[in-house]
Amino acid sequence: MAIRWKDDFVIFKDTFVRWVSSTDVMPPELHASLIDPYVGGAWIWLVEITIPGYATLYYAKNTEDVIYAGQTYTANNFIPGLASLTGDGSVPRIGLVVAQDGTYVLEDEINATEGGGGGTVKIIRTYENFFDIRVAELEQEVNILVGDSDANDIVFQLGSPNPLLKKIPLRRNSSKKCPYSTPSLFKGPECQYAGEDATCGGFYEDCHDKGNAGNFGAEIGLDPNAMKV
């Protein structure tokens, strides 16, 4: 298939396709440094690691701290990997190896959350002469599937969760047990109970005794024994 280049257009035989230039989404000087290996200056990797329940950690693959778009990224050593494509239909995975710091903060978070599942990692590529410009096209955010550690490194497996493993529906409907009775949801916006009780058994009687029967989260009508005609 013949390809002919003309400015920012590509022609595949009789098909006319417009090639969207990266100059449409980033400053021309930054674009020039991206495509010209002799322009000088260095491209630097940054990562933002967010684990549920903890503050986001900002690291720069550099010998000194980097201030990017007003945020300080601490100098560290890490290795971002390429997406692994197996050809078997599985969801692509990305590896990330982060060196342990002296305080083992990231390892403590991984251990406390049993792998950091549910967290995210934003991988950023930036140019040293344009640290004040945030370019979304040079950033990628992926989910933490699992994290592990040894004496030297934290090893993440990143990617998108396999949609075939998602529970559908996301919650089960019950005729007797209220889903809002779990510790993480009790007294929350759906439960709305604001009394002195610290726990809830999840049954209608519990909700009634608490004076909160109007917010009972189970579906009593699903139980044929509870219906009268």
Protein backbone atom coordinates (compact mmCIF):
# COMPACT_ATOMS: atom_id res chain seq x y z
CA MET A 1 0.00 0.00 0.00
CA ALA A 2 1.61 3.24 -1.14
CA ILE A 3 1.86 6.09 1.33
CA ARG A 4 2.52 9.66 0.26
CA TRP A 5 3.25 12.40 2.81
CA LYS A 6 2.26 15.98 2.17
CA ASP A 7 2.44 18.43 5.04
CA ASP A 8 0.16 16.98 7.72
CA PHE A 9 -1.88 14.72 5.45
CA VAL A 10 -1.59 11.03 4.61
CA ILE A 11 -3.01 9.45 1.47
CA PHE A 12 -3.69 5.70 1.41
CA LYS A 13 -4.46 5.01 -2.27
CA ASP A 14 -7.85 6.65 -2.83
CA THR A 15 -8.63 7.17 0.85
CA PHE A 16 -7.99 10.64 2.25
CA VAL A 17 -7.10 10.73 5.95
CA ARG A 18 -6.06 13.78 7.98
CA TRP A 19 -3.10 13.24 10.29
CA VAL A 20 -3.58 15.20 13.52
CA SER A 21 -0.27 16.85 14.30
CA SER A 22 0.92 17.03 17.91
CA THR A 23 1.41 20.77 17.35
CA ASP A 24 -2.36 21.03 17.73
CA VAL A 25 -2.12 20.04 21.38
CA MET A 26 1.25 21.32 22.62
CA PRO A 27 3.50 24.39 22.19
CA PRO A 28 5.52 24.36 18.93
CA GLU A 29 8.83 24.51 20.81
CA LEU A 30 7.89 21.48 22.89
CA HIS A 31 6.77 19.65 19.76
CA ALA A 32 10.11 20.42 18.11
CA SER A 33 12.04 18.98 21.05
CA LEU A 34 9.87 15.85 20.91
CA ILE A 35 10.69 15.00 17.29
CA ASP A 36 14.26 16.40 17.01
CA PRO A 37 16.85 14.26 18.86
CA TYR A 38 19.52 16.97 18.44
CA VAL A 39 17.61 19.88 19.96
CA GLY A 40 19.29 19.39 23.37
CA GLY A 41 17.77 19.09 26.80
CA ALA A 42 16.46 16.01 28.56
CA TRP A 43 13.12 14.23 28.74
CA ILE A 44 12.23 13.08 32.25
CA TRP A 45 9.82 10.48 33.59
CA LEU A 46 7.49 11.42 36.45
CA VAL A 47 4.96 9.28 38.32
CA GLU A 48 2.09 10.06 40.67
CA ILE A 49 1.14 7.08 42.86
CA THR A 50 -2.21 7.25 44.63
CA ILE A 51 -3.24 4.46 47.02
CA PRO A 52 -6.69 4.70 48.65
CA GLY A 53 -6.51 6.20 52.13
CA TYR A 54 -3.07 7.76 51.65
CA ALA A 55 -1.64 10.97 50.22
CA THR A 56 -0.42 10.88 46.62
CA LEU A 57 3.32 10.25 46.22
CA TYR A 58 5.19 12.20 43.53
CA TYR A 59 8.46 10.82 42.12
CA ALA A 60 10.84 12.00 39.39
CA LYS A 61 13.29 9.68 37.64
CA ASN A 62 16.08 12.15 38.21
CA THR A 63 19.04 12.91 40.46
CA GLU A 64 17.28 15.94 41.97
CA ASP A 65 13.73 17.02 42.70
CA VAL A 66 11.63 18.36 39.84
CA ILE A 67 8.89 21.00 40.03
CA TYR A 68 6.36 20.20 37.30
CA ALA A 69 3.28 22.40 36.85
CA GLY A 70 3.77 23.71 40.40
CA GLN A 71 4.03 20.27 42.04
CA THR A 72 7.30 18.97 43.52
CA TYR A 73 8.31 15.46 42.42
CA THR A 74 10.91 13.84 44.69
CA ALA A 75 14.04 12.44 43.06
CA ASN A 76 13.87 8.65 42.93
CA ASN A 77 14.77 5.78 40.67
CA PHE A 78 12.03 3.87 38.90
CA ILE A 79 11.59 1.93 35.66
CA PRO A 80 8.32 2.28 33.70
CA GLY A 81 7.68 -0.70 31.46
CA LEU A 82 5.92 -1.09 28.14
CA ALA A 83 2.48 -2.63 27.79
CA SER A 84 2.62 -6.40 27.46
CA LEU A 85 0.54 -7.77 24.57
CA THR A 86 0.02 -11.53 24.64
CA GLY A 87 -2.37 -12.05 21.74
CA ASP A 88 -4.64 -14.25 23.84
CA GLY A 89 -7.29 -11.59 24.40
CA SER A 90 -6.12 -10.70 27.90
CA VAL A 91 -6.07 -7.08 29.09
CA PRO A 92 -2.65 -5.42 28.46
CA ARG A 93 -0.46 -4.95 31.52
CA ILE A 94 2.25 -2.38 32.33
CA GLY A 95 5.04 -2.92 34.82
CA LEU A 96 6.51 -0.26 37.11
CA VAL A 97 9.48 -0.83 39.42
CA VAL A 98 10.10 1.87 42.05
CA ALA A 99 13.21 1.87 44.24
CA GLN A 100 12.65 1.75 47.99
CA ASP A 101 13.22 5.07 49.72
CA GLY A 102 14.89 5.40 53.09
CA THR A 103 11.61 5.59 55.02
CA TYR A 104 9.84 2.70 53.23
CA VAL A 105 6.68 4.82 52.95
CA LEU A 106 5.44 3.17 49.77
CA GLU A 107 6.14 -0.34 51.07
CA ASP A 108 4.13 0.40 54.23
CA GLU A 109 1.19 1.54 52.10
CA ILE A 110 1.41 -1.57 49.91
CA ASN A 111 1.45 -3.85 52.95
CA ALA A 112 -1.40 -2.01 54.67
CA THR A 113 -3.64 -2.27 51.60
CA GLU A 114 -2.58 -5.81 50.63
CA GLY A 115 -1.11 -4.76 47.29
CA GLY A 116 -2.48 -1.27 46.73
CA GLY A 117 -5.45 -2.51 44.72
CA GLY A 118 -7.88 0.21 43.74
CA GLY A 119 -5.11 2.79 43.51
CA THR A 120 -3.86 4.58 40.41
CA VAL A 121 -0.53 5.54 38.87
CA LYS A 122 -0.14 8.48 36.51
CA ILE A 123 2.92 8.15 34.27
CA ILE A 124 4.17 11.44 32.84
CA ARG A 125 6.81 12.31 30.24
CA THR A 126 8.06 15.89 30.42
CA TYR A 127 10.83 18.03 28.93
CA GLU A 128 13.22 19.89 31.20
CA ASN A 129 12.72 23.25 29.47
CA PHE A 130 8.93 23.12 29.84
CA PHE A 131 8.29 22.02 33.43
CA ASP A 132 5.68 24.77 33.80
CA ILE A 133 3.50 23.35 31.02
CA ARG A 134 1.25 20.37 31.70
CA VAL A 135 0.48 18.46 28.49
CA ALA A 136 -2.29 15.90 28.96
CA GLU A 137 -1.25 14.03 25.80
CA LEU A 138 2.05 13.12 27.51
CA GLU A 139 0.33 11.67 30.58
CA GLN A 140 -1.29 8.29 31.11
CA GLU A 141 -3.23 7.16 34.18
CA VAL A 142 -3.62 3.44 34.84
CA ASN A 143 -5.01 1.35 37.68
CA ILE A 144 -2.90 -0.54 40.20
CA LEU A 145 -3.80 -4.20 39.80
CA VAL A 146 -1.35 -5.47 42.39
CA GLY A 147 1.83 -4.34 44.11
CA ASP A 148 4.60 -6.27 45.82
CA SER A 149 7.91 -5.41 47.44
CA ASP A 150 11.30 -6.75 48.39
CA ALA A 151 14.30 -5.24 50.17
CA ASN A 152 15.15 -3.00 47.20
CA ASP A 153 12.06 -2.31 45.08
CA ILE A 154 8.32 -1.93 44.86
CA VAL A 155 6.95 -3.79 41.83
CA PHE A 156 3.57 -2.76 40.41
CA GLN A 157 1.43 -4.46 37.82
CA LEU A 158 -0.67 -1.78 36.16
CA GLY A 159 -3.48 -1.72 33.64
CA SER A 160 -7.23 -1.78 33.30
CA PRO A 161 -9.25 -4.25 35.35
CA ASN A 162 -10.58 -7.21 33.36
CA PRO A 163 -14.25 -6.29 32.68
CA LEU A 164 -15.14 -10.00 32.62
CA LEU A 165 -14.29 -10.21 36.34
CA LYS A 166 -16.64 -7.39 37.34
CA LYS A 167 -19.66 -8.39 39.34
CA ILE A 168 -22.89 -7.51 37.56
CA PRO A 169 -24.99 -6.11 39.09
CA LEU A 170 -22.49 -4.27 41.27
CA ARG A 171 -24.57 -4.99 44.38
CA ARG A 172 -26.87 -7.83 45.30
CA ASN A 173 -30.46 -7.11 46.15
CA SER A 174 -31.54 -8.72 49.40
CA SER A 175 -34.96 -8.98 50.97
CA LYS A 176 -33.64 -9.04 54.54
CA LYS A 177 -30.07 -7.71 54.89
CA CYS A 178 -29.42 -4.00 54.39
CA PRO A 179 -26.21 -3.32 52.40
CA TYR A 180 -25.68 -0.05 54.29
CA SER A 181 -25.06 -1.91 57.54
CA THR A 182 -21.42 -2.67 56.65
CA PRO A 183 -18.87 -0.62 58.66
CA SER A 184 -17.84 1.44 55.64
CA LEU A 185 -21.43 2.45 54.76
CA PHE A 186 -23.15 2.57 58.17
CA LYS A 187 -24.06 6.19 59.03
CA GLY A 188 -23.13 7.16 55.48
CA PRO A 189 -25.19 9.25 53.03
CA GLU A 190 -27.40 6.31 52.03
CA CYS A 191 -27.92 5.03 55.59
CA GLN A 192 -28.38 8.51 57.12
CA TYR A 193 -28.50 7.14 60.67
CA ALA A 194 -27.00 9.71 63.05
CA GLY A 195 -27.75 8.18 66.45
CA GLU A 196 -25.50 6.81 69.17
CA ASP A 197 -25.35 3.14 68.02
CA ALA A 198 -21.93 2.23 66.66
CA THR A 199 -23.04 -0.85 64.70
CA CYS A 200 -26.05 -2.23 62.88
CA GLY A 201 -27.17 -5.81 62.36
CA GLY A 202 -28.59 -4.98 58.96
CA PHE A 203 -32.09 -6.32 59.58
CA TYR A 204 -35.27 -4.31 59.36
CA GLU A 205 -35.85 -4.67 63.09
CA ASP A 206 -32.47 -2.98 63.74
CA CYS A 207 -33.34 -0.12 61.45
CA HIS A 208 -36.80 0.22 62.98
CA ASP A 209 -35.44 0.27 66.54
CA LYS A 210 -33.01 3.02 65.49
CA GLY A 211 -35.88 5.08 64.09
CA ASN A 212 -34.36 4.86 60.63
CA ALA A 213 -36.74 2.44 58.91
CA GLY A 214 -37.38 4.88 56.07
CA ASN A 215 -33.78 4.42 54.87
CA PHE A 216 -33.69 0.61 55.13
CA GLY A 217 -31.64 -0.49 52.12
CA ALA A 218 -32.92 -4.03 51.52
CA GLU A 219 -35.89 -4.85 49.30
CA ILE A 220 -38.51 -6.34 51.61
CA GLY A 221 -40.82 -6.93 48.67
CA LEU A 222 -38.48 -9.57 47.24
CA ASP A 223 -39.46 -11.93 50.04
CA PRO A 224 -42.78 -13.62 49.10
CA ASN A 225 -43.45 -14.31 52.77
CA ALA A 226 -43.52 -10.58 53.45
CA MET A 227 -46.17 -9.80 50.84
CA LYS A 228 -49.89 -9.85 51.58
CA VAL A 229 -52.72 -9.36 49.11
